[in-house]
Every structure is written in C-alpha cells, then in structure tokens.
Amino acid sequence: MKKLYFIFLFTFIGTIINAQTCFWAKSIGGTNDQSGTSIAVDDSGNVYTTGFFRGTVDFDPGAGVHNLTAGWYVTFVSKLDASGNFIWAKAIGQLLIIMVALRAVLLL
C-alpha cells in the first residue's frame, strides 16, 4: 500500500525553538496514485489536507474505513481533528479538467 502523507505537529517552547515534540503522525493511502499537496491547521487544531488521487483510497488513518474511489484523478479535501482522528474526506472534482484548463491558458 502506498502512503499518501505523514503529518507531524510540533510544539515550540518560548520564542526560540529549544525543543520539538511530535504529537502524532498519520498516513492514508491506496493501491494507485495519490499525492498530498497542501496542509492547513485551523484555530481549533483541526488539520485539513488537499491533493489528488485515482483508484480507491482509505482516508481514515485509524481502524475505520472511509474509501473514496475515482476512475481518473480527482481532487480531495480531508479533515482530521487536533488528535489526528478522522472527521471527513470528500472528492471534489476531476484533475483532468483543471489540467486541460491550465493548458489552454498556457497556449494562449
């Protein structure tokens, strides 16, 4: 199984970085291509990731299963809580459409 990404959250002591502590690390993945492209954290510590995939990917890094399936590359957004527990994941559009539109703009 391919691994999509690892998320590390660090704590910083004071204004100078004296030590770093890894709170948790999670991975998700599937049997085909997948790639994480962005990670963001909100004020509550929830972690949002975006990227693209094709085939079937289990977005729940825990014991549960939350499979999303795509015949061709699609963009995803997923959310984990501050402890790294799965909240939701959604496929939001085909990457091919985005790539064709970008190519059309570059050729103009």
PDB file of N, CA and C in Angstrom:
ATOM      1  N   MET A   1       0.841  -1.176   0.000  1.00  0.00           N
ATOM      2  CA  MET A   1       0.000   0.000   0.000  1.00  0.00           C
ATOM      3  C   MET A   1       0.891   1.246   0.000  1.00  0.00           C
ATOM      4  N   LYS A   2       0.586   2.164  -0.889  1.00  0.00           N
ATOM      5  CA  LYS A   2       1.327   3.421  -0.923  1.00  0.00           C
ATOM      6  C   LYS A   2       0.850   4.312   0.213  1.00  0.00           C
ATOM      7  N   LYS A   3       1.730   5.111   0.732  1.00  0.00           N
ATOM      8  CA  LYS A   3       1.372   6.047   1.794  1.00  0.00           C
ATOM      9  C   LYS A   3       1.243   7.431   1.187  1.00  0.00           C
ATOM     10  N   LEU A   4       0.203   8.149   1.539  1.00  0.00           N
ATOM     11  CA  LEU A   4      -0.048   9.452   0.946  1.00  0.00           C
ATOM     12  C   LEU A   4       0.724  10.553   1.635  1.00  0.00           C
ATOM     13  N   TYR A   5       0.681  10.618   2.935  1.00  0.00           N
ATOM     14  CA  TYR A   5       1.393  11.673   3.619  1.00  0.00           C
ATOM     15  C   TYR A   5       1.517  11.342   5.097  1.00  0.00           C
ATOM     16  N   PHE A   6       2.441  11.988   5.736  1.00  0.00           N
ATOM     17  CA  PHE A   6       2.573  11.941   7.182  1.00  0.00           C
ATOM     18  C   PHE A   6       2.378  13.354   7.688  1.00  0.00           C
ATOM     19  N   ILE A   7       1.712  13.492   8.787  1.00  0.00           N
ATOM     20  CA  ILE A   7       1.504  14.801   9.380  1.00  0.00           C
ATOM     21  C   ILE A   7       2.192  14.814  10.739  1.00  0.00           C
ATOM     22  N   PHE A   8       3.041  15.782  10.953  1.00  0.00           N
ATOM     23  CA  PHE A   8       3.711  15.937  12.228  1.00  0.00           C
ATOM     24  C   PHE A   8       3.336  17.286  12.810  1.00  0.00           C
ATOM     25  N   LEU A   9       2.909  17.292  14.023  1.00  0.00           N
ATOM     26  CA  LEU A   9       2.628  18.541  14.715  1.00  0.00           C
ATOM     27  C   LEU A   9       3.693  18.732  15.781  1.00  0.00           C
ATOM     28  N   PHE A  10       4.279  19.886  15.793  1.00  0.00           N
ATOM     29  CA  PHE A  10       5.357  20.174  16.718  1.00  0.00           C
ATOM     30  C   PHE A  10       4.942  21.278  17.679  1.00  0.00           C
ATOM     31  N   THR A  11       5.508  21.236  18.837  1.00  0.00           N
ATOM     32  CA  THR A  11       5.312  22.309  19.795  1.00  0.00           C
ATOM     33  C   THR A  11       6.616  23.082  19.926  1.00  0.00           C
ATOM     34  N   PHE A  12       6.507  24.369  20.047  1.00  0.00           N
ATOM     35  CA  PHE A  12       7.684  25.213  20.177  1.00  0.00           C
ATOM     36  C   PHE A  12       7.657  25.859  21.559  1.00  0.00           C
ATOM     37  N   ILE A  13       8.769  25.840  22.244  1.00  0.00           N
ATOM     38  CA  ILE A  13       8.875  26.361  23.605  1.00  0.00           C
ATOM     39  C   ILE A  13       9.454  27.760  23.544  1.00  0.00           C
ATOM     40  N   GLY A  14       8.699  28.745  24.063  1.00  0.00           N
ATOM     41  CA  GLY A  14       9.162  30.128  24.077  1.00  0.00           C
ATOM     42  C   GLY A  14       9.244  30.706  22.681  1.00  0.00           C
ATOM     43  N   THR A  15       9.977  31.777  22.541  1.00  0.00           N
ATOM     44  CA  THR A  15      10.132  32.398  21.228  1.00  0.00           C
ATOM     45  C   THR A  15      11.307  31.822  20.466  1.00  0.00           C
ATOM     46  N   ILE A  16      12.180  31.120  21.145  1.00  0.00           N
ATOM     47  CA  ILE A  16      13.305  30.450  20.500  1.00  0.00           C
ATOM     48  C   ILE A  16      13.010  28.956  20.510  1.00  0.00           C
ATOM     49  N   ILE A  17      13.274  28.303  19.396  1.00  0.00           N
ATOM     50  CA  ILE A  17      12.988  26.874  19.312  1.00  0.00           C
ATOM     51  C   ILE A  17      14.044  26.118  20.118  1.00  0.00           C
ATOM     52  N   ASN A  18      13.623  25.616  21.289  1.00  0.00           N
ATOM     53  CA  ASN A  18      14.529  24.859  22.146  1.00  0.00           C
ATOM     54  C   ASN A  18      14.331  23.350  21.982  1.00  0.00           C
ATOM     55  N   ALA A  19      13.099  22.936  21.721  1.00  0.00           N
ATOM     56  CA  ALA A  19      12.806  21.513  21.598  1.00  0.00           C
ATOM     57  C   ALA A  19      11.576  21.333  20.725  1.00  0.00           C
ATOM     58  N   GLN A  20      11.479  20.185  20.093  1.00  0.00           N
ATOM     59  CA  GLN A  20      10.316  19.850  19.280  1.00  0.00           C
ATOM     60  C   GLN A  20       9.796  18.501  19.729  1.00  0.00           C
ATOM     61  N   THR A  21       8.486  18.401  19.826  1.00  0.00           N
ATOM     62  CA  THR A  21       7.847  17.168  20.239  1.00  0.00           C
ATOM     63  C   THR A  21       6.832  16.768  19.184  1.00  0.00           C
ATOM     64  N   CYS A  22       6.904  15.562  18.711  1.00  0.00           N
ATOM     65  CA  CYS A  22       5.925  15.060  17.756  1.00  0.00           C
ATOM     66  C   CYS A  22       4.714  14.579  18.542  1.00  0.00           C
ATOM     67  N   PHE A  23       3.553  15.199  18.291  1.00  0.00           N
ATOM     68  CA  PHE A  23       2.330  14.785  18.977  1.00  0.00           C
ATOM     69  C   PHE A  23       1.720  13.558  18.325  1.00  0.00           C
ATOM     70  N   TRP A  24       1.696  13.523  16.999  1.00  0.00           N
ATOM     71  CA  TRP A  24       1.160  12.366  16.290  1.00  0.00           C
ATOM     72  C   TRP A  24       1.581  12.403  14.834  1.00  0.00           C
ATOM     73  N   ALA A  25       1.513  11.245  14.207  1.00  0.00           N
ATOM     74  CA  ALA A  25       1.779  11.103  12.773  1.00  0.00           C
ATOM     75  C   ALA A  25       0.754  10.121  12.220  1.00  0.00           C
ATOM     76  N   LYS A  26       0.182  10.437  11.077  1.00  0.00           N
ATOM     77  CA  LYS A  26      -0.838   9.580  10.462  1.00  0.00           C
ATOM     78  C   LYS A  26      -0.508   9.391   8.994  1.00  0.00           C
ATOM     79  N   SER A  27      -0.990   8.314   8.422  1.00  0.00           N
ATOM     80  CA  SER A  27      -0.836   8.102   6.987  1.00  0.00           C
ATOM     81  C   SER A  27      -2.133   7.549   6.420  1.00  0.00           C
ATOM     82  N   ILE A  28      -2.373   7.871   5.160  1.00  0.00           N
ATOM     83  CA  ILE A  28      -3.504   7.302   4.432  1.00  0.00           C
ATOM     84  C   ILE A  28      -2.964   6.833   3.098  1.00  0.00           C
ATOM     85  N   GLY A  29      -3.697   5.963   2.423  1.00  0.00           N
ATOM     86  CA  GLY A  29      -3.199   5.517   1.136  1.00  0.00           C
ATOM     87  C   GLY A  29      -4.113   4.531   0.461  1.00  0.00           C
ATOM     88  N   GLY A  30      -3.724   4.190  -0.736  1.00  0.00           N
ATOM     89  CA  GLY A  30      -4.474   3.243  -1.547  1.00  0.00           C
ATOM     90  C   GLY A  30      -3.521   2.474  -2.442  1.00  0.00           C
ATOM     91  N   THR A  31      -4.069   1.783  -3.424  1.00  0.00           N
ATOM     92  CA  THR A  31      -3.263   0.929  -4.281  1.00  0.00           C
ATOM     93  C   THR A  31      -2.784   1.634  -5.542  1.00  0.00           C
ATOM     94  N   ASN A  32      -3.377   2.768  -5.900  1.00  0.00           N
ATOM     95  CA  ASN A  32      -2.974   3.505  -7.099  1.00  0.00           C
ATOM     96  C   ASN A  32      -2.283   4.799  -6.706  1.00  0.00           C
ATOM     97  N   ASP A  33      -2.263   5.749  -7.620  1.00  0.00           N
ATOM     98  CA  ASP A  33      -1.572   7.016  -7.385  1.00  0.00           C
ATOM     99  C   ASP A  33      -2.352   7.924  -6.449  1.00  0.00           C
ATOM    100  N   GLN A  34      -1.632   8.596  -5.573  1.00  0.00           N
ATOM    101  CA  GLN A  34      -2.204   9.621  -4.719  1.00  0.00           C
ATOM    102  C   GLN A  34      -1.101  10.571  -4.305  1.00  0.00           C
ATOM    103  N   SER A  35      -1.474  11.827  -4.102  1.00  0.00           N
ATOM    104  CA  SER A  35      -0.473  12.817  -3.719  1.00  0.00           C
ATOM    105  C   SER A  35      -1.128  13.892  -2.874  1.00  0.00           C
ATOM    106  N   GLY A  36      -0.519  14.200  -1.742  1.00  0.00           N
ATOM    107  CA  GLY A  36      -0.961  15.325  -0.928  1.00  0.00           C
ATOM    108  C   GLY A  36      -0.267  16.584  -1.409  1.00  0.00           C
ATOM    109  N   THR A  37      -0.997  17.690  -1.482  1.00  0.00           N
ATOM    110  CA  THR A  37      -0.395  18.920  -1.993  1.00  0.00           C
ATOM    111  C   THR A  37      -0.419  20.058  -0.990  1.00  0.00           C
ATOM    112  N   SER A  38      -1.290  20.019   0.008  1.00  0.00           N
ATOM    113  CA  SER A  38      -1.377  21.120   0.970  1.00  0.00           C
ATOM    114  C   SER A  38      -1.868  20.627   2.314  1.00  0.00           C
ATOM    115  N   ILE A  39      -1.393  21.267   3.369  1.00  0.00           N
ATOM    116  CA  ILE A  39      -1.854  21.003   4.731  1.00  0.00           C
ATOM    117  C   ILE A  39      -2.097  22.347   5.399  1.00  0.00           C
ATOM    118  N   ALA A  40      -3.239  22.461   6.105  1.00  0.00           N
ATOM    119  CA  ALA A  40      -3.550  23.676   6.859  1.00  0.00           C
ATOM    120  C   ALA A  40      -4.138  23.276   8.201  1.00  0.00           C
ATOM    121  N   VAL A  41      -3.943  24.112   9.209  1.00  0.00           N
ATOM    122  CA  VAL A  41      -4.473  23.875  10.552  1.00  0.00           C
ATOM    123  C   VAL A  41      -5.304  25.076  10.959  1.00  0.00           C
ATOM    124  N   ASP A  42      -6.531  24.832  11.457  1.00  0.00           N
ATOM    125  CA  ASP A  42      -7.376  25.944  11.894  1.00  0.00           C
ATOM    126  C   ASP A  42      -7.112  26.278  13.366  1.00  0.00           C
ATOM    127  N   ASP A  43      -7.819  27.267  13.892  1.00  0.00           N
ATOM    128  CA  ASP A  43      -7.597  27.726  15.264  1.00  0.00           C
ATOM    129  C   ASP A  43      -7.900  26.661  16.312  1.00  0.00           C
ATOM    130  N   SER A  44      -8.729  25.673  15.972  1.00  0.00           N
ATOM    131  CA  SER A  44      -9.052  24.588  16.905  1.00  0.00           C
ATOM    132  C   SER A  44      -8.070  23.425  16.817  1.00  0.00           C
ATOM    133  N   GLY A  45      -7.119  23.510  15.897  1.00  0.00           N
ATOM    134  CA  GLY A  45      -6.142  22.444  15.737  1.00  0.00           C
ATOM    135  C   GLY A  45      -6.545  21.383  14.734  1.00  0.00           C
ATOM    136  N   ASN A  46      -7.723  21.535  14.083  1.00  0.00           N
ATOM    137  CA  ASN A  46      -8.136  20.592  13.049  1.00  0.00           C
ATOM    138  C   ASN A  46      -7.195  20.703  11.857  1.00  0.00           C
ATOM    139  N   VAL A  47      -6.886  19.565  11.245  1.00  0.00           N
ATOM    140  CA  VAL A  47      -5.934  19.525  10.142  1.00  0.00           C
ATOM    141  C   VAL A  47      -6.677  19.225   8.844  1.00  0.00           C
ATOM    142  N   TYR A  48      -6.484  20.088   7.847  1.00  0.00           N
ATOM    143  CA  TYR A  48      -7.097  19.936   6.529  1.00  0.00           C
ATOM    144  C   TYR A  48      -6.001  19.612   5.529  1.00  0.00           C
ATOM    145  N   THR A  49      -6.248  18.618   4.681  1.00  0.00           N
ATOM    146  CA  THR A  49      -5.287  18.272   3.646  1.00  0.00           C
ATOM    147  C   THR A  49      -5.987  18.279   2.298  1.00  0.00           C
ATOM    148  N   THR A  50      -5.247  18.604   1.265  1.00  0.00           N
ATOM    149  CA  THR A  50      -5.757  18.541  -0.102  1.00  0.00           C
ATOM    150  C   THR A  50      -4.738  17.804  -0.954  1.00  0.00           C
ATOM    151  N   GLY A  51      -5.199  17.334  -2.084  1.00  0.00           N
ATOM    152  CA  GLY A  51      -4.333  16.639  -3.014  1.00  0.00           C
ATOM    153  C   GLY A  51      -5.167  16.012  -4.103  1.00  0.00           C
ATOM    154  N   PHE A  52      -4.632  14.967  -4.717  1.00  0.00           N
ATOM    155  CA  PHE A  52      -5.382  14.273  -5.760  1.00  0.00           C
ATOM    156  C   PHE A  52      -5.080  12.782  -5.687  1.00  0.00           C
ATOM    157  N   PHE A  53      -5.977  11.996  -6.267  1.00  0.00           N
ATOM    158  CA  PHE A  53      -5.811  10.542  -6.258  1.00  0.00           C
ATOM    159  C   PHE A  53      -6.584   9.933  -7.409  1.00  0.00           C
ATOM    160  N   ARG A  54      -6.297   8.665  -7.680  1.00  0.00           N
ATOM    161  CA  ARG A  54      -7.127   7.839  -8.559  1.00  0.00           C
ATOM    162  C   ARG A  54      -7.179   6.450  -7.952  1.00  0.00           C
ATOM    163  N   GLY A  55      -8.185   5.683  -8.330  1.00  0.00           N
ATOM    164  CA  GLY A  55      -8.374   4.369  -7.725  1.00  0.00           C
ATOM    165  C   GLY A  55      -9.121   4.525  -6.411  1.00  0.00           C
ATOM    166  N   THR A  56      -8.851   3.658  -5.467  1.00  0.00           N
ATOM    167  CA  THR A  56      -9.515   3.684  -4.164  1.00  0.00           C
ATOM    168  C   THR A  56      -8.501   4.027  -3.083  1.00  0.00           C
ATOM    169  N   VAL A  57      -8.869   4.986  -2.238  1.00  0.00           N
ATOM    170  CA  VAL A  57      -8.013   5.414  -1.129  1.00  0.00           C
ATOM    171  C   VAL A  57      -8.842   5.377   0.152  1.00  0.00           C
ATOM    172  N   ASP A  58      -8.269   4.803   1.207  1.00  0.00           N
ATOM    173  CA  ASP A  58      -8.884   4.824   2.537  1.00  0.00           C
ATOM    174  C   ASP A  58      -8.377   6.075   3.247  1.00  0.00           C
ATOM    175  N   PHE A  59      -9.248   7.047   3.443  1.00  0.00           N
ATOM    176  CA  PHE A  59      -8.860   8.318   4.049  1.00  0.00           C
ATOM    177  C   PHE A  59      -8.896   8.301   5.572  1.00  0.00           C
ATOM    178  N   ASP A  60      -9.364   7.222   6.175  1.00  0.00           N
ATOM    179  CA  ASP A  60      -9.381   7.124   7.639  1.00  0.00           C
ATOM    180  C   ASP A  60      -8.070   6.506   8.103  1.00  0.00           C
ATOM    181  N   PRO A  61      -7.204   7.282   8.773  1.00  0.00           N
ATOM    182  CA  PRO A  61      -5.917   6.733   9.193  1.00  0.00           C
ATOM    183  C   PRO A  61      -6.014   5.798  10.397  1.00  0.00           C
ATOM    184  N   GLY A  62      -7.197   5.688  10.979  1.00  0.00           N
ATOM    185  CA  GLY A  62      -7.392   4.813  12.137  1.00  0.00           C
ATOM    186  C   GLY A  62      -7.876   3.435  11.713  1.00  0.00           C
ATOM    187  N   ALA A  63      -8.550   2.769  12.638  1.00  0.00           N
ATOM    188  CA  ALA A  63      -9.043   1.414  12.389  1.00  0.00           C
ATOM    189  C   ALA A  63     -10.251   1.396  11.456  1.00  0.00           C
ATOM    190  N   GLY A  64     -10.949   2.529  11.349  1.00  0.00           N
ATOM    191  CA  GLY A  64     -12.120   2.606  10.481  1.00  0.00           C
ATOM    192  C   GLY A  64     -11.726   2.664   9.019  1.00  0.00           C
ATOM    193  N   VAL A  65     -12.735   2.626   8.165  1.00  0.00           N
ATOM    194  CA  VAL A  65     -12.513   2.694   6.725  1.00  0.00           C
ATOM    195  C   VAL A  65     -13.411   3.764   6.138  1.00  0.00           C
ATOM    196  N   HIS A  66     -12.823   4.661   5.366  1.00  0.00           N
ATOM    197  CA  HIS A  66     -13.593   5.658   4.610  1.00  0.00           C
ATOM    198  C   HIS A  66     -12.983   5.732   3.213  1.00  0.00           C
ATOM    199  N   ASN A  67     -13.438   4.799   2.347  1.00  0.00           N
ATOM    200  CA  ASN A  67     -12.903   4.721   0.997  1.00  0.00           C
ATOM    201  C   ASN A  67     -13.570   5.731   0.077  1.00  0.00           C
ATOM    202  N   LEU A  68     -12.760   6.401  -0.735  1.00  0.00           N
ATOM    203  CA  LEU A  68     -13.243   7.179  -1.866  1.00  0.00           C
ATOM    204  C   LEU A  68     -12.625   6.543  -3.104  1.00  0.00           C
ATOM    205  N   THR A  69     -13.397   6.465  -4.192  1.00  0.00           N
ATOM    206  CA  THR A  69     -12.938   5.816  -5.409  1.00  0.00           C
ATOM    207  C   THR A  69     -13.116   6.752  -6.590  1.00  0.00           C
ATOM    208  N   ALA A  70     -12.128   6.776  -7.457  1.00  0.00           N
ATOM    209  CA  ALA A  70     -12.186   7.591  -8.665  1.00  0.00           C
ATOM    210  C   ALA A  70     -11.535   6.828  -9.808  1.00  0.00           C
ATOM    211  N   GLY A  71     -12.184   6.826 -10.964  1.00  0.00           N
ATOM    212  CA  GLY A  71     -11.626   6.167 -12.130  1.00  0.00           C
ATOM    213  C   GLY A  71     -10.460   6.937 -12.715  1.00  0.00           C
ATOM    214  N   TRP A  72     -10.482   8.248 -12.579  1.00  0.00           N
ATOM    215  CA  TRP A  72      -9.403   9.103 -13.048  1.00  0.00           C
ATOM    216  C   TRP A  72      -9.053  10.039 -11.916  1.00  0.00           C
ATOM    217  N   TYR A  73      -8.018  10.818 -12.056  1.00  0.00           N
ATOM    218  CA  TYR A  73      -7.553  11.679 -10.973  1.00  0.00           C
ATOM    219  C   TYR A  73      -8.623  12.686 -10.552  1.00  0.00           C
ATOM    220  N   VAL A  74      -8.879  12.752  -9.244  1.00  0.00           N
ATOM    221  CA  VAL A  74      -9.792  13.741  -8.675  1.00  0.00           C
ATOM    222  C   VAL A  74      -9.094  14.437  -7.509  1.00  0.00           C
ATOM    223  N   THR A  75      -9.561  15.629  -7.225  1.00  0.00           N
ATOM    224  CA  THR A  75      -9.043  16.408  -6.107  1.00  0.00           C
ATOM    225  C   THR A  75      -9.781  15.990  -4.840  1.00  0.00           C
ATOM    226  N   PHE A  76      -9.087  15.974  -3.709  1.00  0.00           N
ATOM    227  CA  PHE A  76      -9.732  15.653  -2.436  1.00  0.00           C
ATOM    228  C   PHE A  76      -9.431  16.726  -1.399  1.00  0.00           C
ATOM    229  N   VAL A  77     -10.315  16.791  -0.415  1.00  0.00           N
ATOM    230  CA  VAL A  77     -10.107  17.573   0.807  1.00  0.00           C
ATOM    231  C   VAL A  77     -10.456  16.648   1.958  1.00  0.00           C
ATOM    232  N   SER A  78      -9.608  16.599   2.982  1.00  0.00           N
ATOM    233  CA  SER A  78      -9.909  15.766   4.152  1.00  0.00           C
ATOM    234  C   SER A  78      -9.676  16.564   5.427  1.00  0.00           C
ATOM    235  N   LYS A  79     -10.310  16.103   6.501  1.00  0.00           N
ATOM    236  CA  LYS A  79     -10.194  16.785   7.789  1.00  0.00           C
ATOM    237  C   LYS A  79      -9.932  15.766   8.885  1.00  0.00           C
ATOM    238  N   LEU A  80      -8.920  16.052   9.705  1.00  0.00           N
ATOM    239  CA  LEU A  80      -8.640  15.293  10.926  1.00  0.00           C
ATOM    240  C   LEU A  80      -8.758  16.255  12.091  1.00  0.00           C
ATOM    241  N   ASP A  81      -9.160  15.753  13.256  1.00  0.00           N
ATOM    242  CA  ASP A  81      -9.228  16.644  14.419  1.00  0.00           C
ATOM    243  C   ASP A  81      -7.829  16.864  14.992  1.00  0.00           C
ATOM    244  N   ALA A  82      -7.749  17.634  16.051  1.00  0.00           N
ATOM    245  CA  ALA A  82      -6.455  18.004  16.641  1.00  0.00           C
ATOM    246  C   ALA A  82      -5.681  16.790  17.174  1.00  0.00           C
ATOM    247  N   SER A  83      -6.361  15.677  17.408  1.00  0.00           N
ATOM    248  CA  SER A  83      -5.694  14.457  17.869  1.00  0.00           C
ATOM    249  C   SER A  83      -5.362  13.505  16.735  1.00  0.00           C
ATOM    250  N   GLY A  84      -5.696  13.893  15.509  1.00  0.00           N
ATOM    251  CA  GLY A  84      -5.409  13.053  14.355  1.00  0.00           C
ATOM    252  C   GLY A  84      -6.509  12.074  14.006  1.00  0.00           C
ATOM    253  N   ASN A  85      -7.689  12.225  14.613  1.00  0.00           N
ATOM    254  CA  ASN A  85      -8.813  11.339  14.323  1.00  0.00           C
ATOM    255  C   ASN A  85      -9.551  11.811  13.072  1.00  0.00           C
ATOM    256  N   PHE A  86      -9.989  10.862  12.263  1.00  0.00           N
ATOM    257  CA  PHE A  86     -10.682  11.162  11.019  1.00  0.00           C
ATOM    258  C   PHE A  86     -12.020  11.849  11.292  1.00  0.00           C
ATOM    259  N   ILE A  87     -12.301  12.929  10.544  1.00  0.00           N
ATOM    260  CA  ILE A  87     -13.595  13.617  10.615  1.00  0.00           C
ATOM    261  C   ILE A  87     -14.354  13.399   9.308  1.00  0.00           C
ATOM    262  N   TRP A  88     -13.770  13.802   8.163  1.00  0.00           N
ATOM    263  CA  TRP A  88     -14.403  13.592   6.864  1.00  0.00           C
ATOM    264  C   TRP A  88     -13.382  13.717   5.741  1.00  0.00           C
ATOM    265  N   ALA A  89     -13.782  13.230   4.570  1.00  0.00           N
ATOM    266  CA  ALA A  89     -12.997  13.396   3.342  1.00  0.00           C
ATOM    267  C   ALA A  89     -13.980  13.469   2.186  1.00  0.00           C
ATOM    268  N   LYS A  90     -13.668  14.318   1.212  1.00  0.00           N
ATOM    269  CA  LYS A  90     -14.544  14.486   0.057  1.00  0.00           C
ATOM    270  C   LYS A  90     -13.716  14.584  -1.218  1.00  0.00           C
ATOM    271  N   ALA A  91     -14.210  13.965  -2.280  1.00  0.00           N
ATOM    272  CA  ALA A  91     -13.638  14.138  -3.614  1.00  0.00           C
ATOM    273  C   ALA A  91     -14.403  15.291  -4.252  1.00  0.00           C
ATOM    274  N   ILE A  92     -13.683  16.265  -4.825  1.00  0.00           N
ATOM    275  CA  ILE A  92     -14.379  17.481  -5.265  1.00  0.00           C
ATOM    276  C   ILE A  92     -14.205  17.836  -6.733  1.00  0.00           C
ATOM    277  N   GLY A  93     -13.664  16.984  -7.548  1.00  0.00           N
ATOM    278  CA  GLY A  93     -13.597  17.306  -8.967  1.00  0.00           C
ATOM    279  C   GLY A  93     -12.458  16.604  -9.666  1.00  0.00           C
ATOM    280  N   GLN A  94     -12.597  16.474 -10.969  1.00  0.00           N
ATOM    281  CA  GLN A  94     -11.584  15.782 -11.733  1.00  0.00           C
ATOM    282  C   GLN A  94     -10.397  16.674 -12.023  1.00  0.00           C
ATOM    283  N   LEU A  95      -9.223  16.161 -11.755  1.00  0.00           N
ATOM    284  CA  LEU A  95      -7.984  16.886 -12.002  1.00  0.00           C
ATOM    285  C   LEU A  95      -7.784  17.131 -13.487  1.00  0.00           C
ATOM    286  N   LEU A  96      -8.261  16.231 -14.328  1.00  0.00           N
ATOM    287  CA  LEU A  96      -8.099  16.372 -15.766  1.00  0.00           C
ATOM    288  C   LEU A  96      -8.695  17.691 -16.255  1.00  0.00           C
ATOM    289  N   ILE A  97      -9.855  18.062 -15.752  1.00  0.00           N
ATOM    290  CA  ILE A  97     -10.499  19.319 -16.145  1.00  0.00           C
ATOM    291  C   ILE A  97      -9.600  20.496 -15.785  1.00  0.00           C
ATOM    292  N   ILE A  98      -9.017  20.462 -14.619  1.00  0.00           N
ATOM    293  CA  ILE A  98      -8.124  21.537 -14.178  1.00  0.00           C
ATOM    294  C   ILE A  98      -6.889  21.581 -15.075  1.00  0.00           C
ATOM    295  N   MET A  99      -6.322  20.414 -15.412  1.00  0.00           N
ATOM    296  CA  MET A  99      -5.128  20.366 -16.239  1.00  0.00           C
ATOM    297  C   MET A  99      -5.414  20.878 -17.653  1.00  0.00           C
ATOM    298  N   VAL A 100      -6.559  20.518 -18.231  1.00  0.00           N
ATOM    299  CA  VAL A 100      -6.924  20.978 -19.572  1.00  0.00           C
ATOM    300  C   VAL A 100      -7.112  22.488 -19.577  1.00  0.00           C
ATOM    301  N   ALA A 101      -7.772  23.021 -18.559  1.00  0.00           N
ATOM    302  CA  ALA A 101      -7.983  24.460 -18.484  1.00  0.00           C
ATOM    303  C   ALA A 101      -6.644  25.198 -18.361  1.00  0.00           C
ATOM    304  N   LEU A 102      -5.741  24.673 -17.545  1.00  0.00           N
ATOM    305  CA  LEU A 102      -4.422  25.297 -17.391  1.00  0.00           C
ATOM    306  C   LEU A 102      -3.653  25.265 -18.702  1.00  0.00           C
ATOM    307  N   ARG A 103      -3.702  24.132 -19.381  1.00  0.00           N
ATOM    308  CA  ARG A 103      -3.006  24.014 -20.679  1.00  0.00           C
ATOM    309  C   ARG A 103      -3.562  25.010 -21.683  1.00  0.00           C
ATOM    310  N   ALA A 104      -4.875  25.185 -21.706  1.00  0.00           N
ATOM    311  CA  ALA A 104      -5.497  26.138 -22.636  1.00  0.00           C
ATOM    312  C   ALA A 104      -5.014  27.559 -22.347  1.00  0.00           C
ATOM    313  N   VAL A 105      -4.897  27.902 -21.093  1.00  0.00           N
ATOM    314  CA  VAL A 105      -4.423  29.246 -20.711  1.00  0.00           C
ATOM    315  C   VAL A 105      -2.968  29.421 -21.117  1.00  0.00           C
ATOM    316  N   LEU A 106      -2.142  28.399 -20.925  1.00  0.00           N
ATOM    317  CA  LEU A 106      -0.723  28.491 -21.271  1.00  0.00           C
ATOM    318  C   LEU A 106      -0.498  28.601 -22.775  1.00  0.00           C
ATOM    319  N   LEU A 107      -1.396  28.029 -23.566  1.00  0.00           N
ATOM    320  CA  LEU A 107      -1.249  28.078 -25.021  1.00  0.00           C
ATOM    321  C   LEU A 107      -1.721  29.392 -25.613  1.00  0.00           C
ATOM    322  N   LEU A 108      -2.463  30.199 -24.859  1.00  0.00           N
ATOM    323  CA  LEU A 108      -2.962  31.492 -25.375  1.00  0.00           C
ATOM    324  C   LEU A 108      -1.860  32.492 -25.532  1.00  0.00           C
TER     325      LEU A 108
END
